Amino acid sequence: MNLLLKPIGLFAALAAVTVSRPAIAEDADQVNDRPLNLKVVPAFPNIKWPADATGVGEGLIQDVRPIIITGAGDGTNRIFVATQPGMIYVFPNDPAADEIRLFIDLRDRIHYRVPQENEEGFLGLAFHPKFKENGEFFVYYTSAYNNEADRHSVISRFRVSNDDPSRADPASEEIILTIPQPYWNHNGGTIVFGPDGYLYVGLGDGGSGGDPHGNGQNLSTLLGSILRIDVDRRDPGLNYAIPQDNPFVGRSGARPEIWAYGIRNVWRIAFDRQTGVLWAGDVGQDTWEEIDIITRGGNYGWNLREGMHPFGDRGSDPRPDLIEPIWEYHHDVGKSITGGNVYRGQAVPELNGAYLYADWVGGQVWALWYDFDAQRVTANRPVVKKGAPVMTFGEDDAGELYYATQEGGLWKFEP
């Protein structure tokens, strides 16, 4: 998601926000859960996915799996959609648009197998805040491998082509960071620029089930964390720099890239473009899905806690050093959260200030409002009761919100 830059002073103030009080059971009667009277309509009804996205060209029928929807923040009013197999497409941000172009094809360097290993592939895209001037964008993907011991997540920089600024140059790749992954699942994958201009990276705990390596509570590994790095500078031996106000800089045995930890499989993270607050949907294990407000140095409890509950035989009761989610829902409701964005557009005033999120399995979509002063959820209102699996949400440059479903649908909200 491309974000408008905000003053660093605002960001510093927000870093001190504490979120500890959850929306607990006795508050339930105070939460507005009435369905919202909104329409969900195709956002770009004339756009047709090309054969290389649907598999028709190879005699296959496959889901497109749009994984990112975003603008580039460069004043051109375009929509970029990336797919999990590794293609990024671009088209005008116009409901009447009927032409879609390939921006870049990265399938030759990506490991992607569905349905066997459906959490790998192309997972993240972020345009540099100065993309208009420097033509730089960043991606997160699972690198191609034959031996599972060679499985890695890769964060790379690319640039647009000198010959055609509407296309990216595949040969321009500069690898910023590689992260070993012990298993195929729980890769996280969101990369997003914050209001401070730094790149934030959402990583899962490494996979399998129950966090068998204890990565969520281990500051010596990048896994199970949200990272914050400076891609405009380099420290010795690195292709990036460590911001010196990161919370674990100088702490023995801790990776200084870490901004927050105790994460299971965050899908997705997004900054509120008005307030600068960082929101996250963290996918649950056995029973609970959760929504978190991410703060500097925060420990979000995995694998001691799942949602607002102890996890497993060694689970923990609430503790002052473990930040509780602001909201959770049970697997009777849905089984895999898709975190979204806080709505700051103009087209649907009924959604102003709401955090939109969904469930991948059930296809439900909700709008959630949170009172930061009272530290409680005031409303969690259904928008879609059941639908196709929701892969991702995204914003255009004006803050209008979209979401994508697994088969390739691109949707928007209307009053």
Protein backbone atom coordinates (compact mmCIF):
# COMPACT_ATOMS: atom_id res chain seq x y z
CA MET A 1 0.00 0.00 0.00
CA ASN A 2 1.46 3.33 -0.98
CA LEU A 3 1.27 5.89 1.80
CA LEU A 4 1.33 9.64 2.06
CA LEU A 5 4.36 10.79 4.03
CA LYS A 6 3.67 12.37 7.40
CA PRO A 7 5.99 14.40 9.66
CA ILE A 8 8.37 12.25 11.66
CA GLY A 9 7.27 14.10 14.78
CA LEU A 10 3.81 12.60 14.45
CA PHE A 11 5.32 9.15 14.06
CA ALA A 12 7.47 9.57 17.15
CA ALA A 13 4.39 10.47 19.17
CA LEU A 14 2.49 7.46 17.90
CA ALA A 15 5.37 5.16 18.80
CA ALA A 16 4.54 5.82 22.44
CA VAL A 17 0.94 4.60 22.08
CA THR A 18 0.14 1.70 24.38
CA VAL A 19 -2.59 -0.79 23.56
CA SER A 20 -3.27 -3.35 26.22
CA ARG A 21 -6.98 -3.42 27.05
CA PRO A 22 -8.86 -5.87 24.80
CA ALA A 23 -12.50 -5.83 23.74
CA ILE A 24 -13.45 -8.38 26.40
CA ALA A 25 -16.71 -10.24 26.84
CA GLU A 26 -18.36 -7.78 29.23
CA ASP A 27 -18.00 -5.07 26.56
CA ALA A 28 -19.81 -7.15 23.94
CA ASP A 29 -23.19 -5.51 24.49
CA GLN A 30 -21.58 -2.13 23.80
CA VAL A 31 -20.23 -3.14 20.37
CA ASN A 32 -22.39 -2.20 17.39
CA ASP A 33 -22.62 -5.31 15.22
CA ARG A 34 -25.50 -4.29 12.95
CA PRO A 35 -24.83 -5.02 9.25
CA LEU A 36 -23.83 -2.01 7.15
CA ASN A 37 -26.11 -1.15 4.27
CA LEU A 38 -23.44 -0.93 1.58
CA LYS A 39 -23.02 -2.34 -1.90
CA VAL A 40 -20.00 -4.33 -3.03
CA VAL A 41 -19.51 -3.98 -6.78
CA PRO A 42 -16.84 -4.90 -9.35
CA ALA A 43 -14.25 -2.15 -9.26
CA PHE A 44 -13.06 -2.54 -12.86
CA PRO A 45 -15.74 -4.59 -14.63
CA ASN A 46 -14.19 -4.30 -18.10
CA ILE A 47 -10.75 -5.58 -17.12
CA LYS A 48 -10.07 -9.12 -18.37
CA TRP A 49 -7.19 -11.11 -16.94
CA PRO A 50 -4.70 -12.20 -19.63
CA ALA A 51 -4.13 -15.86 -20.43
CA ASP A 52 -0.83 -16.04 -18.54
CA ALA A 53 -2.70 -15.08 -15.33
CA THR A 54 -5.56 -17.55 -15.72
CA GLY A 55 -3.52 -20.43 -17.12
CA VAL A 56 -5.71 -20.68 -20.22
CA GLY A 57 -2.68 -20.16 -22.43
CA GLU A 58 -1.19 -23.37 -21.04
CA GLY A 59 -4.41 -25.37 -21.18
CA LEU A 60 -5.03 -24.86 -17.46
CA ILE A 61 -7.69 -23.16 -15.38
CA GLN A 62 -6.25 -21.58 -12.26
CA ASP A 63 -7.13 -18.88 -9.78
CA VAL A 64 -5.46 -15.54 -10.50
CA ARG A 65 -4.79 -14.99 -6.76
CA PRO A 66 -4.32 -11.18 -6.72
CA ILE A 67 -2.08 -10.57 -3.76
CA ILE A 68 -1.53 -6.77 -3.86
CA ILE A 69 -3.68 -3.82 -4.99
CA THR A 70 -2.01 -0.40 -4.81
CA GLY A 71 -1.29 2.91 -6.44
CA ALA A 72 2.26 4.10 -7.00
CA GLY A 73 1.94 7.58 -5.48
CA ASP A 74 3.46 9.17 -8.59
CA GLY A 75 0.52 11.27 -9.77
CA THR A 76 -0.32 8.99 -12.72
CA ASN A 77 -3.51 7.58 -11.09
CA ARG A 78 -2.75 3.97 -11.98
CA ILE A 79 -3.64 0.71 -10.24
CA PHE A 80 -1.03 -2.01 -9.82
CA VAL A 81 -2.13 -5.57 -9.08
CA ALA A 82 0.41 -8.28 -8.24
CA THR A 83 -0.45 -11.97 -8.37
CA GLN A 84 0.95 -14.73 -6.20
CA PRO A 85 2.58 -16.59 -9.12
CA GLY A 86 4.78 -13.53 -9.67
CA MET A 87 3.31 -11.09 -12.19
CA ILE A 88 2.54 -7.40 -11.64
CA TYR A 89 -0.06 -5.77 -13.87
CA VAL A 90 -0.99 -2.11 -14.31
CA PHE A 91 -4.01 -0.27 -15.68
CA PRO A 92 -5.68 3.17 -15.37
CA ASN A 93 -7.60 3.85 -12.18
CA ASP A 94 -10.84 4.24 -14.10
CA PRO A 95 -13.97 2.07 -13.73
CA ALA A 96 -14.21 2.09 -17.53
CA ALA A 97 -10.64 0.83 -18.01
CA ASP A 98 -10.51 -2.12 -20.40
CA GLU A 99 -6.79 -2.60 -20.99
CA ILE A 100 -4.39 -4.26 -18.59
CA ARG A 101 -0.62 -4.32 -19.15
CA LEU A 102 2.14 -6.45 -17.73
CA PHE A 103 4.45 -4.32 -15.57
CA ILE A 104 6.92 -7.10 -14.74
CA ASP A 105 7.03 -10.91 -14.80
CA LEU A 106 9.11 -12.48 -12.01
CA ARG A 107 7.96 -16.09 -12.32
CA ASP A 108 11.42 -17.28 -13.35
CA ARG A 109 12.85 -16.56 -9.87
CA ILE A 110 9.90 -17.47 -7.63
CA HIS A 111 8.90 -20.74 -5.97
CA TYR A 112 5.16 -21.16 -6.20
CA ARG A 113 3.12 -24.35 -6.04
CA VAL A 114 -0.62 -24.50 -5.46
CA PRO A 115 -2.38 -26.14 -3.75
CA GLN A 116 0.54 -27.98 -2.15
CA GLU A 117 2.39 -24.91 -0.83
CA ASN A 118 -0.03 -22.04 -1.16
CA GLU A 119 1.69 -19.64 1.26
CA GLU A 120 4.79 -19.18 -0.90
CA GLY A 121 5.25 -17.19 -4.10
CA PHE A 122 5.06 -13.44 -4.63
CA LEU A 123 3.77 -11.90 -1.40
CA GLY A 124 4.68 -8.21 -1.13
CA LEU A 125 5.01 -5.00 -3.16
CA ALA A 126 5.77 -1.44 -2.05
CA PHE A 127 6.56 1.60 -4.17
CA HIS A 128 9.24 3.94 -2.86
CA PRO A 129 7.81 7.20 -1.47
CA LYS A 130 9.91 8.96 -4.14
CA PHE A 131 8.97 6.54 -6.92
CA LYS A 132 8.11 9.44 -9.23
CA GLU A 133 11.73 10.64 -9.00
CA ASN A 134 13.72 7.42 -8.62
CA GLY A 135 11.53 4.72 -10.22
CA GLU A 136 12.22 2.30 -7.35
CA PHE A 137 9.88 -0.32 -5.95
CA PHE A 138 10.39 -3.25 -3.58
CA VAL A 139 9.11 -6.81 -3.60
CA TYR A 140 8.93 -9.79 -1.25
CA TYR A 141 8.88 -13.33 -2.65
CA THR A 142 9.90 -16.93 -2.01
CA SER A 143 12.99 -17.65 -4.09
CA ALA A 144 13.09 -20.66 -6.42
CA TYR A 145 14.64 -23.77 -4.85
CA ASN A 146 15.01 -27.50 -5.44
CA ASN A 147 16.26 -28.52 -2.00
CA GLU A 148 13.99 -27.45 0.84
CA ALA A 149 17.03 -26.55 2.91
CA ASP A 150 17.56 -23.69 0.43
CA ARG A 151 14.12 -22.13 1.04
CA HIS A 152 14.38 -18.34 1.50
CA SER A 153 12.24 -15.25 1.51
CA VAL A 154 13.77 -12.43 -0.53
CA ILE A 155 13.27 -8.67 -0.33
CA SER A 156 14.55 -6.91 -3.45
CA ARG A 157 14.68 -3.50 -5.08
CA PHE A 158 13.68 -3.07 -8.73
CA ARG A 159 13.54 -0.05 -11.04
CA VAL A 160 11.43 0.93 -13.99
CA SER A 161 12.91 0.51 -17.44
CA ASN A 162 14.92 3.40 -18.89
CA ASP A 163 13.35 2.68 -22.28
CA ASP A 164 9.73 2.35 -21.16
CA PRO A 165 8.70 3.86 -17.80
CA SER A 166 5.42 1.91 -17.94
CA ARG A 167 7.40 -1.31 -17.50
CA ALA A 168 9.87 -2.46 -14.89
CA ASP A 169 13.30 -3.84 -15.69
CA PRO A 170 13.66 -7.49 -14.53
CA ALA A 171 17.45 -7.18 -14.76
CA SER A 172 17.51 -4.31 -12.26
CA GLU A 173 16.98 -6.54 -9.23
CA GLU A 174 19.09 -5.69 -6.18
CA ILE A 175 18.60 -8.12 -3.30
CA ILE A 176 18.21 -6.21 -0.03
CA LEU A 177 17.69 -9.06 2.42
CA THR A 178 17.27 -12.85 2.35
CA ILE A 179 15.59 -14.69 5.22
CA PRO A 180 15.91 -18.48 5.63
CA GLN A 181 12.54 -20.21 6.04
CA PRO A 182 12.33 -23.63 7.73
CA TYR A 183 8.89 -24.48 6.25
CA TRP A 184 6.66 -23.47 3.35
CA ASN A 185 3.96 -21.79 5.43
CA HIS A 186 3.74 -18.69 7.65
CA ASN A 187 5.80 -16.39 5.44
CA GLY A 188 3.87 -13.20 6.19
CA GLY A 189 4.94 -11.08 3.28
CA THR A 190 3.62 -7.55 3.63
CA ILE A 191 6.13 -4.81 2.92
CA VAL A 192 5.02 -1.22 3.32
CA PHE A 193 6.64 2.19 3.75
CA GLY A 194 5.76 3.92 6.99
CA PRO A 195 5.10 7.62 7.58
CA ASP A 196 8.78 7.90 8.53
CA GLY A 197 10.00 6.68 5.12
CA TYR A 198 11.32 3.37 6.44
CA LEU A 199 10.32 -0.04 5.06
CA TYR A 200 8.30 -2.29 7.37
CA VAL A 201 8.27 -6.05 6.78
CA GLY A 202 5.73 -8.50 8.23
CA LEU A 203 7.21 -11.97 8.83
CA GLY A 204 5.56 -15.15 10.07
CA ASP A 205 7.06 -17.50 12.65
CA GLY A 206 8.65 -19.80 10.03
CA GLY A 207 5.80 -22.26 9.73
CA SER A 208 4.77 -25.78 10.61
CA GLY A 209 2.28 -25.54 13.51
CA GLY A 210 2.53 -24.17 17.02
CA ASP A 211 5.86 -22.42 16.35
CA PRO A 212 8.04 -25.50 17.03
CA HIS A 213 11.28 -23.47 17.03
CA GLY A 214 9.97 -20.80 19.39
CA ASN A 215 10.67 -18.03 16.90
CA GLY A 216 7.85 -15.79 18.07
CA GLN A 217 9.53 -15.14 21.43
CA ASN A 218 13.11 -15.22 20.14
CA LEU A 219 14.67 -11.83 19.40
CA SER A 220 17.76 -13.43 17.86
CA THR A 221 15.80 -14.42 14.73
CA LEU A 222 13.94 -12.19 12.29
CA LEU A 223 11.07 -14.69 12.09
CA GLY A 224 7.90 -13.99 14.03
CA SER A 225 8.54 -10.25 13.85
CA ILE A 226 7.80 -7.01 12.10
CA LEU A 227 10.99 -5.41 10.82
CA ARG A 228 11.86 -1.77 10.18
CA ILE A 229 14.78 -0.99 7.87
CA ASP A 230 16.18 1.96 5.93
CA VAL A 231 16.50 1.09 2.24
CA ASP A 232 18.02 4.47 1.32
CA ARG A 233 21.26 3.91 3.23
CA ARG A 234 23.62 1.03 3.93
CA ASP A 235 25.37 -0.07 7.07
CA PRO A 236 28.64 -2.01 6.75
CA GLY A 237 28.00 -5.52 5.48
CA LEU A 238 24.33 -4.86 4.74
CA ASN A 239 22.31 -3.71 1.74
CA TYR A 240 20.20 -1.56 4.07
CA ALA A 241 20.68 0.42 7.28
CA ILE A 242 19.28 -0.02 10.79
CA PRO A 243 17.33 3.01 12.06
CA GLN A 244 19.01 3.93 15.31
CA ASP A 245 15.70 4.42 17.12
CA ASN A 246 14.66 0.80 16.51
CA PRO A 247 13.78 -0.65 19.94
CA PHE A 248 16.42 -3.40 20.13
CA VAL A 249 19.44 -1.56 18.75
CA GLY A 250 22.39 -2.29 21.03
CA ARG A 251 20.64 -5.09 22.92
CA SER A 252 22.81 -8.19 23.16
CA GLY A 253 21.42 -11.20 21.29
CA ALA A 254 18.62 -9.25 19.59
CA ARG A 255 18.31 -8.47 15.89
CA PRO A 256 18.28 -4.68 15.54
CA GLU A 257 15.95 -4.82 12.53
CA ILE A 258 13.03 -5.88 14.76
CA TRP A 259 10.30 -3.32 15.43
CA ALA A 260 7.81 -5.67 17.14
CA TYR A 261 7.62 -9.43 17.77
CA GLY A 262 5.48 -12.27 19.08
CA ILE A 263 3.82 -12.59 15.66
CA ARG A 264 2.43 -15.86 14.24
CA ASN A 265 1.61 -15.12 10.58
CA VAL A 266 0.66 -11.51 10.05
CA TRP A 267 -1.55 -11.06 6.95
CA ARG A 268 -1.60 -8.03 6.37
CA ILE A 269 -0.15 -4.88 7.96
CA ALA A 270 -1.16 -1.35 6.93
CA PHE A 271 -0.67 2.19 8.18
CA ASP A 272 -3.64 4.46 8.67
CA ARG A 273 -2.76 7.26 6.26
CA GLN A 274 -4.41 9.87 8.52
CA THR A 275 -3.08 8.92 11.97
CA GLY A 276 0.03 6.85 11.13
CA VAL A 277 -1.12 3.95 13.35
CA LEU A 278 0.05 0.50 12.20
CA TRP A 279 -2.69 -2.15 12.05
CA ALA A 280 -2.21 -5.90 11.65
CA GLY A 281 -4.31 -9.01 11.13
CA ASP A 282 -2.52 -12.02 12.62
CA VAL A 283 -3.71 -15.46 11.49
CA GLY A 284 -4.58 -17.84 14.31
CA GLN A 285 -3.62 -21.45 14.97
CA ASP A 286 -6.36 -23.58 16.53
CA THR A 287 -9.19 -21.32 17.61
CA TRP A 288 -8.73 -17.53 17.41
CA GLU A 289 -8.03 -14.88 14.75
CA GLU A 290 -6.85 -11.47 15.94
CA ILE A 291 -6.38 -7.80 15.10
CA ASP A 292 -3.46 -5.90 16.62
CA ILE A 293 -2.27 -2.31 16.87
CA ILE A 294 1.50 -2.55 16.38
CA THR A 295 3.70 -0.34 18.54
CA ARG A 296 7.44 0.11 18.93
CA GLY A 297 9.03 -2.83 20.77
CA GLY A 298 5.70 -4.56 21.37
CA ASN A 299 5.51 -8.29 22.17
CA TYR A 300 2.24 -9.70 20.78
CA GLY A 301 2.41 -12.95 22.68
CA TRP A 302 2.78 -15.76 20.16
CA ASN A 303 3.28 -18.66 20.93
CA LEU A 304 2.32 -18.04 24.56
CA ARG A 305 -1.01 -16.52 23.60
CA GLU A 306 -3.50 -17.08 20.79
CA GLY A 307 -5.80 -14.09 20.61
CA MET A 308 -6.78 -13.29 24.20
CA HIS A 309 -6.19 -16.86 25.44
CA PRO A 310 -3.32 -19.08 26.59
CA PHE A 311 -1.96 -21.24 23.79
CA GLY A 312 -1.16 -24.90 24.36
CA ASP A 313 0.20 -26.62 27.44
CA ARG A 314 2.78 -23.91 28.05
CA GLY A 315 0.48 -20.99 27.34
CA SER A 316 0.46 -17.84 29.42
CA ASP A 317 -2.27 -15.91 31.18
CA PRO A 318 -2.33 -12.17 30.42
CA ARG A 319 0.92 -10.45 31.38
CA PRO A 320 1.95 -6.79 31.40
CA ASP A 321 4.72 -7.47 28.88
CA LEU A 322 2.39 -9.16 26.36
CA ILE A 323 0.15 -6.90 24.29
CA GLU A 324 -3.37 -8.22 23.80
CA PRO A 325 -5.16 -7.89 20.46
CA ILE A 326 -7.87 -5.22 20.25
CA TRP A 327 -10.24 -7.77 18.67
CA GLU A 328 -10.54 -11.48 18.08
CA TYR A 329 -13.00 -13.88 16.51
CA HIS A 330 -13.53 -17.60 16.97
CA HIS A 331 -13.07 -20.29 14.33
CA ASP A 332 -16.81 -20.82 14.48
CA VAL A 333 -16.95 -17.49 12.61
CA GLY A 334 -13.95 -17.75 10.27
CA LYS A 335 -10.57 -19.44 10.11
CA SER A 336 -7.99 -17.15 8.49
CA ILE A 337 -8.00 -13.38 8.87
CA THR A 338 -7.13 -11.08 5.97
CA GLY A 339 -6.14 -7.74 7.47
CA GLY A 340 -7.04 -4.62 5.53
CA ASN A 341 -6.86 -0.84 5.81
CA VAL A 342 -8.45 2.04 7.65
CA TYR A 343 -10.80 3.75 5.21
CA ARG A 344 -9.85 7.37 4.47
CA GLY A 345 -11.48 7.82 1.07
CA GLN A 346 -14.36 10.07 0.01
CA ALA A 347 -16.70 7.75 -1.90
CA VAL A 348 -18.19 5.91 1.10
CA PRO A 349 -18.52 8.27 4.10
CA GLU A 350 -20.24 5.52 6.09
CA LEU A 351 -16.83 3.80 6.35
CA ASN A 352 -14.79 6.77 7.53
CA GLY A 353 -12.27 5.67 10.15
CA ALA A 354 -13.24 2.00 9.94
CA TYR A 355 -10.66 -0.76 9.71
CA LEU A 356 -11.81 -3.12 6.94
CA TYR A 357 -10.83 -6.77 7.29
CA ALA A 358 -12.06 -10.15 6.06
CA ASP A 359 -11.80 -13.89 6.47
CA TRP A 360 -10.09 -15.85 3.71
CA VAL A 361 -12.01 -19.07 4.32
CA GLY A 362 -15.55 -17.74 4.70
CA GLY A 363 -15.28 -14.64 2.53
CA GLN A 364 -16.87 -12.38 5.16
CA VAL A 365 -15.92 -8.68 5.28
CA TRP A 366 -16.29 -6.46 8.36
CA ALA A 367 -15.80 -2.80 9.25
CA LEU A 368 -14.36 -2.25 12.73
CA TRP A 369 -14.14 1.01 14.66
CA TYR A 370 -11.75 1.41 17.60
CA ASP A 371 -11.81 4.17 20.23
CA PHE A 372 -8.17 4.88 21.08
CA ASP A 373 -9.05 7.02 24.11
CA ALA A 374 -11.26 4.36 25.68
CA GLN A 375 -9.08 1.55 24.24
CA ARG A 376 -12.04 -0.50 23.09
CA VAL A 377 -13.81 -1.56 19.92
CA THR A 378 -17.06 0.34 19.50
CA ALA A 379 -18.36 -1.35 16.34
CA ASN A 380 -17.69 -4.46 14.28
CA ARG A 381 -20.23 -4.33 11.48
CA PRO A 382 -20.62 -6.95 8.73
CA VAL A 383 -20.33 -5.69 5.16
CA VAL A 384 -20.28 -9.06 3.36
CA LYS A 385 -21.77 -12.08 5.17
CA LYS A 386 -20.25 -14.73 2.90
CA GLY A 387 -18.31 -14.69 -0.36
CA ALA A 388 -15.28 -15.88 -2.27
CA PRO A 389 -11.96 -16.18 -0.36
CA VAL A 390 -10.57 -12.69 0.28
CA MET A 391 -6.86 -12.52 -0.55
CA THR A 392 -6.01 -8.89 0.16
CA PHE A 393 -7.14 -5.29 0.54
CA GLY A 394 -5.51 -2.26 -1.01
CA GLU A 395 -5.73 1.51 -1.49
CA ASP A 396 -5.39 3.76 -4.49
CA ASP A 397 -3.54 7.05 -4.19
CA ALA A 398 -6.69 8.88 -3.07
CA GLY A 399 -7.35 6.44 -0.23
CA GLU A 400 -10.23 4.58 -1.86
CA LEU A 401 -10.31 0.97 -0.75
CA TYR A 402 -10.50 -2.25 -2.78
CA TYR A 403 -10.28 -5.94 -2.06
CA ALA A 404 -9.41 -8.98 -4.17
CA THR A 405 -10.84 -12.47 -4.13
CA GLN A 406 -8.95 -15.62 -4.97
CA GLU A 407 -10.39 -16.26 -8.42
CA GLY A 408 -9.37 -12.76 -9.57
CA GLY A 409 -12.24 -10.49 -8.55
CA LEU A 410 -11.44 -6.86 -7.77
CA TRP A 411 -14.14 -5.23 -5.65
CA LYS A 412 -15.01 -1.85 -4.16
CA PHE A 413 -17.63 -0.44 -1.79
CA GLU A 414 -20.50 1.92 -2.64
CA PRO A 415 -23.16 3.59 -0.50
